[in-house]
Amino acid sequence: MPIDTLVQPRDVIFVHVDDKPAFFARVEEIRMDGKKGWRQLRFTILAVPLQDTTWILEPSQIDGEPFTMGGMPLRIERLPDPRPTAPPPEEDAPGPGRVIAFPPRPGR
């Protein structure tokens, strides 16, 4: 079954707890939950030590709608992919490197 969220496995998310930045995480898996309309979001919190966690959420919550867990307000923000979306124009493409000679230091 296709994933019905904007957030996808391997995305990096930024979790806000009580309206404050809390942690970054990498999404490992999103799968159907036994409860109709809910998903299991498994992610790794990017801190030392790494921590694998699963939350059961609605797709809209995975995509950024605020929710509460144990009375604590939470929000997930999907971070943009840092890779460029298009290759650089030909004139900006890196070419072969050049060695630039510097004059020797005095006394050497």
N, C-alpha and C. Protein backbone atom coordinates (compact mmCIF):
# COMPACT_ATOMS: atom_id res chain seq x y z
N MET A 1 0.85 -1.19 0.00
CA MET A 1 0.00 0.00 0.00
C MET A 1 0.89 1.24 0.00
N PRO A 2 0.60 2.22 -0.87
CA PRO A 2 1.42 3.43 -0.90
C PRO A 2 1.26 4.24 0.38
N ILE A 3 2.29 4.98 0.71
CA ILE A 3 2.27 5.83 1.90
C ILE A 3 1.45 7.08 1.58
N ASP A 4 0.52 7.42 2.47
CA ASP A 4 -0.38 8.54 2.23
C ASP A 4 0.01 9.80 3.01
N THR A 5 1.31 9.98 3.23
CA THR A 5 1.79 11.16 3.93
C THR A 5 2.86 11.84 3.08
N LEU A 6 3.06 13.13 3.35
CA LEU A 6 4.15 13.85 2.67
C LEU A 6 5.49 13.38 3.19
N VAL A 7 5.54 13.03 4.47
CA VAL A 7 6.75 12.51 5.09
C VAL A 7 6.94 11.07 4.60
N GLN A 8 8.15 10.74 4.21
CA GLN A 8 8.46 9.42 3.66
C GLN A 8 9.65 8.81 4.41
N PRO A 9 9.81 7.49 4.33
CA PRO A 9 11.01 6.89 4.93
C PRO A 9 12.28 7.54 4.38
N ARG A 10 13.26 7.71 5.24
CA ARG A 10 14.56 8.35 5.02
C ARG A 10 14.50 9.87 5.09
N ASP A 11 13.30 10.45 5.26
CA ASP A 11 13.21 11.89 5.48
C ASP A 11 13.75 12.21 6.86
N VAL A 12 14.25 13.43 7.01
CA VAL A 12 14.64 13.92 8.33
C VAL A 12 13.53 14.84 8.81
N ILE A 13 13.12 14.62 10.06
CA ILE A 13 12.06 15.43 10.65
C ILE A 13 12.61 16.20 11.85
N PHE A 14 11.94 17.28 12.17
CA PHE A 14 12.29 18.12 13.30
C PHE A 14 11.07 18.11 14.22
N VAL A 15 11.23 17.64 15.43
CA VAL A 15 10.11 17.51 16.35
C VAL A 15 10.13 18.65 17.35
N HIS A 16 8.98 19.29 17.50
CA HIS A 16 8.80 20.38 18.45
C HIS A 16 7.98 19.83 19.62
N VAL A 17 8.45 20.06 20.83
CA VAL A 17 7.75 19.63 22.04
C VAL A 17 7.39 20.89 22.82
N ASP A 18 6.10 21.02 23.15
CA ASP A 18 5.62 22.19 23.89
C ASP A 18 6.01 23.48 23.17
N ASP A 19 5.87 23.48 21.84
CA ASP A 19 6.18 24.62 20.98
C ASP A 19 7.64 25.06 21.02
N LYS A 20 8.54 24.16 21.41
CA LYS A 20 9.97 24.45 21.42
C LYS A 20 10.71 23.39 20.60
N PRO A 21 11.76 23.78 19.88
CA PRO A 21 12.55 22.78 19.15
C PRO A 21 13.07 21.73 20.12
N ALA A 22 12.93 20.44 19.74
CA ALA A 22 13.32 19.38 20.66
C ALA A 22 14.41 18.47 20.07
N PHE A 23 14.14 17.86 18.91
CA PHE A 23 15.13 16.94 18.34
C PHE A 23 14.87 16.70 16.86
N PHE A 24 15.94 16.23 16.20
CA PHE A 24 15.88 15.78 14.82
C PHE A 24 15.78 14.26 14.83
N ALA A 25 15.15 13.71 13.79
CA ALA A 25 15.04 12.26 13.68
C ALA A 25 14.99 11.88 12.21
N ARG A 26 15.40 10.65 11.93
CA ARG A 26 15.30 10.10 10.57
C ARG A 26 14.14 9.11 10.57
N VAL A 27 13.23 9.26 9.61
CA VAL A 27 12.09 8.35 9.50
C VAL A 27 12.58 7.03 8.92
N GLU A 28 12.32 5.95 9.63
CA GLU A 28 12.74 4.62 9.19
C GLU A 28 11.63 3.91 8.43
N GLU A 29 10.38 4.07 8.92
CA GLU A 29 9.28 3.30 8.35
C GLU A 29 7.95 3.96 8.72
N ILE A 30 7.01 3.90 7.79
CA ILE A 30 5.63 4.29 8.07
C ILE A 30 4.77 3.13 7.60
N ARG A 31 4.00 2.57 8.52
CA ARG A 31 3.15 1.43 8.13
C ARG A 31 1.77 1.57 8.76
N MET A 32 0.85 0.81 8.23
CA MET A 32 -0.52 0.82 8.73
C MET A 32 -0.53 0.32 10.17
N ASP A 33 -1.41 0.90 10.97
CA ASP A 33 -1.62 0.43 12.33
C ASP A 33 -2.88 -0.43 12.34
N GLY A 34 -3.07 -1.19 13.40
CA GLY A 34 -4.27 -2.00 13.53
C GLY A 34 -5.53 -1.16 13.64
N LYS A 35 -5.39 0.06 14.11
CA LYS A 35 -6.52 0.99 14.25
C LYS A 35 -6.72 1.70 12.90
N LYS A 36 -7.90 1.55 12.32
CA LYS A 36 -8.18 2.09 10.99
C LYS A 36 -7.89 3.60 10.92
N GLY A 37 -7.17 4.00 9.88
CA GLY A 37 -6.86 5.40 9.65
C GLY A 37 -5.61 5.89 10.37
N TRP A 38 -4.97 5.07 11.16
CA TRP A 38 -3.78 5.46 11.91
C TRP A 38 -2.55 4.78 11.31
N ARG A 39 -1.38 5.38 11.54
CA ARG A 39 -0.12 4.87 11.01
C ARG A 39 0.89 4.73 12.14
N GLN A 40 1.81 3.81 11.96
CA GLN A 40 2.94 3.67 12.89
C GLN A 40 4.13 4.36 12.24
N LEU A 41 4.60 5.39 12.90
CA LEU A 41 5.76 6.15 12.42
C LEU A 41 6.95 5.71 13.25
N ARG A 42 7.87 4.97 12.62
CA ARG A 42 9.08 4.53 13.31
C ARG A 42 10.22 5.43 12.87
N PHE A 43 10.91 6.01 13.85
CA PHE A 43 12.00 6.94 13.53
C PHE A 43 13.14 6.75 14.52
N THR A 44 14.32 7.21 14.10
CA THR A 44 15.51 7.18 14.93
C THR A 44 15.83 8.61 15.35
N ILE A 45 15.86 8.84 16.65
CA ILE A 45 16.22 10.16 17.17
C ILE A 45 17.73 10.33 16.99
N LEU A 46 18.12 11.42 16.35
CA LEU A 46 19.52 11.66 16.02
C LEU A 46 20.22 12.36 17.18
N ALA A 47 20.51 11.60 18.20
CA ALA A 47 21.22 12.06 19.39
C ALA A 47 22.08 10.91 19.86
N VAL A 48 22.95 11.17 20.80
CA VAL A 48 23.82 10.12 21.32
C VAL A 48 23.27 9.70 22.68
N PRO A 49 22.93 8.45 22.85
CA PRO A 49 22.92 7.38 21.86
C PRO A 49 21.68 7.49 20.96
N LEU A 50 21.77 6.88 19.76
CA LEU A 50 20.62 6.84 18.87
C LEU A 50 19.48 6.11 19.57
N GLN A 51 18.26 6.57 19.32
CA GLN A 51 17.11 5.94 19.97
C GLN A 51 16.03 5.68 18.94
N ASP A 52 15.62 4.41 18.80
CA ASP A 52 14.57 4.02 17.88
C ASP A 52 13.23 4.14 18.59
N THR A 53 12.27 4.82 17.97
CA THR A 53 10.98 5.10 18.60
C THR A 53 9.86 4.89 17.59
N THR A 54 8.70 4.46 18.05
CA THR A 54 7.52 4.35 17.20
C THR A 54 6.38 5.11 17.85
N TRP A 55 5.74 5.97 17.06
CA TRP A 55 4.54 6.67 17.50
C TRP A 55 3.40 6.25 16.60
N ILE A 56 2.20 6.13 17.15
CA ILE A 56 1.01 5.82 16.37
C ILE A 56 0.25 7.13 16.19
N LEU A 57 0.16 7.56 14.93
CA LEU A 57 -0.39 8.88 14.60
C LEU A 57 -1.33 8.80 13.40
N GLU A 58 -2.09 9.85 13.22
CA GLU A 58 -2.89 10.00 12.00
C GLU A 58 -2.00 10.62 10.93
N PRO A 59 -2.27 10.34 9.66
CA PRO A 59 -1.43 10.91 8.59
C PRO A 59 -1.27 12.42 8.69
N SER A 60 -2.32 13.15 9.05
CA SER A 60 -2.22 14.61 9.14
C SER A 60 -1.24 15.03 10.24
N GLN A 61 -1.13 14.25 11.30
CA GLN A 61 -0.19 14.56 12.37
C GLN A 61 1.25 14.32 11.91
N ILE A 62 1.44 13.27 11.13
CA ILE A 62 2.77 12.99 10.58
C ILE A 62 3.20 14.14 9.66
N ASP A 63 2.22 14.73 8.98
CA ASP A 63 2.50 15.81 8.03
C ASP A 63 2.55 17.20 8.66
N GLY A 64 2.48 17.29 9.99
CA GLY A 64 2.70 18.59 10.63
C GLY A 64 1.57 19.14 11.45
N GLU A 65 0.41 18.50 11.45
CA GLU A 65 -0.69 19.01 12.29
C GLU A 65 -0.34 18.79 13.76
N PRO A 66 -0.48 19.82 14.60
CA PRO A 66 -0.15 19.66 16.02
C PRO A 66 -1.03 18.60 16.68
N PHE A 67 -0.46 17.93 17.67
CA PHE A 67 -1.19 16.92 18.43
C PHE A 67 -0.63 16.90 19.85
N THR A 68 -1.27 16.15 20.72
CA THR A 68 -0.75 16.01 22.08
C THR A 68 -0.52 14.54 22.37
N MET A 69 0.44 14.29 23.23
CA MET A 69 0.74 12.94 23.69
C MET A 69 0.97 13.05 25.19
N GLY A 70 0.09 12.42 25.97
CA GLY A 70 0.18 12.54 27.42
C GLY A 70 0.01 13.98 27.88
N GLY A 71 -0.78 14.75 27.14
CA GLY A 71 -1.00 16.15 27.48
C GLY A 71 0.08 17.11 26.99
N MET A 72 1.15 16.59 26.41
CA MET A 72 2.25 17.42 25.92
C MET A 72 2.03 17.77 24.45
N PRO A 73 2.00 19.05 24.09
CA PRO A 73 1.84 19.44 22.68
C PRO A 73 3.08 19.05 21.86
N LEU A 74 2.84 18.45 20.69
CA LEU A 74 3.91 18.03 19.79
C LEU A 74 3.57 18.45 18.37
N ARG A 75 4.61 18.62 17.56
CA ARG A 75 4.44 18.90 16.14
C ARG A 75 5.65 18.37 15.40
N ILE A 76 5.40 17.74 14.25
CA ILE A 76 6.46 17.20 13.39
C ILE A 76 6.62 18.12 12.18
N GLU A 77 7.86 18.46 11.87
CA GLU A 77 8.17 19.28 10.70
C GLU A 77 9.10 18.50 9.79
N ARG A 78 8.69 18.28 8.56
CA ARG A 78 9.56 17.60 7.59
C ARG A 78 10.57 18.61 7.07
N LEU A 79 11.85 18.24 7.14
CA LEU A 79 12.89 19.12 6.64
C LEU A 79 13.06 18.91 5.14
N PRO A 80 13.39 19.97 4.40
CA PRO A 80 13.58 19.81 2.96
C PRO A 80 14.81 18.95 2.67
N ASP A 81 14.77 18.30 1.53
CA ASP A 81 15.90 17.49 1.08
C ASP A 81 17.06 18.43 0.77
N PRO A 82 18.24 18.21 1.38
CA PRO A 82 19.36 19.13 1.15
C PRO A 82 20.01 18.98 -0.22
N ARG A 83 19.70 17.90 -0.92
CA ARG A 83 20.32 17.70 -2.24
C ARG A 83 19.70 18.65 -3.26
N PRO A 84 20.49 19.14 -4.21
CA PRO A 84 19.93 20.02 -5.23
C PRO A 84 18.89 19.26 -6.06
N THR A 85 17.87 19.98 -6.50
CA THR A 85 16.81 19.34 -7.29
C THR A 85 17.19 19.21 -8.76
N ALA A 86 18.11 20.03 -9.22
CA ALA A 86 18.53 19.96 -10.62
C ALA A 86 20.06 20.08 -10.66
N PRO A 87 20.68 19.46 -11.68
CA PRO A 87 22.13 19.61 -11.78
C PRO A 87 22.49 21.06 -12.07
N PRO A 88 23.68 21.48 -11.63
CA PRO A 88 24.07 22.88 -11.89
C PRO A 88 24.23 23.12 -13.38
N PRO A 89 24.01 24.36 -13.83
CA PRO A 89 24.23 24.66 -15.25
C PRO A 89 25.66 24.32 -15.65
N GLU A 90 25.84 24.04 -16.90
CA GLU A 90 27.14 23.59 -17.42
C GLU A 90 28.28 24.52 -17.04
N GLU A 91 28.06 25.85 -17.08
CA GLU A 91 29.15 26.76 -16.77
C GLU A 91 29.52 26.74 -15.29
N ASP A 92 28.61 26.29 -14.43
CA ASP A 92 28.90 26.21 -12.99
C ASP A 92 29.45 24.84 -12.58
N ALA A 93 29.45 23.89 -13.52
CA ALA A 93 29.92 22.55 -13.18
C ALA A 93 31.41 22.59 -12.88
N PRO A 94 31.82 21.89 -11.83
CA PRO A 94 33.25 21.90 -11.49
C PRO A 94 34.07 21.20 -12.58
N GLY A 95 35.20 21.78 -12.89
CA GLY A 95 36.08 21.21 -13.89
C GLY A 95 37.30 20.59 -13.21
N PRO A 96 38.31 20.26 -13.99
CA PRO A 96 39.51 19.70 -13.38
C PRO A 96 40.17 20.75 -12.49
N GLY A 97 40.78 20.29 -11.42
CA GLY A 97 41.44 21.20 -10.48
C GLY A 97 42.69 21.83 -11.06
N ARG A 98 43.11 22.94 -10.49
CA ARG A 98 44.32 23.63 -10.92
C ARG A 98 45.22 23.79 -9.72
N VAL A 99 46.49 23.62 -9.93
CA VAL A 99 47.48 23.85 -8.88
C VAL A 99 48.01 25.26 -9.06
N ILE A 100 47.95 26.00 -7.98
CA ILE A 100 48.45 27.38 -8.01
C ILE A 100 49.75 27.41 -7.22
N ALA A 101 50.84 27.82 -7.88
CA ALA A 101 52.14 27.86 -7.22
C ALA A 101 52.28 29.16 -6.46
N PHE A 102 52.70 29.06 -5.22
CA PHE A 102 52.97 30.24 -4.41
C PHE A 102 54.47 30.46 -4.39
N PRO A 103 54.90 31.73 -4.34
CA PRO A 103 56.34 31.98 -4.28
C PRO A 103 56.89 31.42 -2.96
N PRO A 104 58.11 30.93 -2.98
CA PRO A 104 58.69 30.39 -1.74
C PRO A 104 58.84 31.48 -0.70
N ARG A 105 58.78 31.08 0.55
CA ARG A 105 58.98 32.03 1.66
C ARG A 105 60.44 32.46 1.70
N PRO A 106 60.67 33.70 2.14
CA PRO A 106 62.07 34.14 2.25
C PRO A 106 62.83 33.27 3.26
N GLY A 107 64.04 32.97 2.94
CA GLY A 107 64.90 32.17 3.83
C GLY A 107 64.73 30.66 3.62
N ARG A 108 64.03 30.26 2.60
CA ARG A 108 63.87 28.81 2.36
C ARG A 108 64.46 28.42 1.06
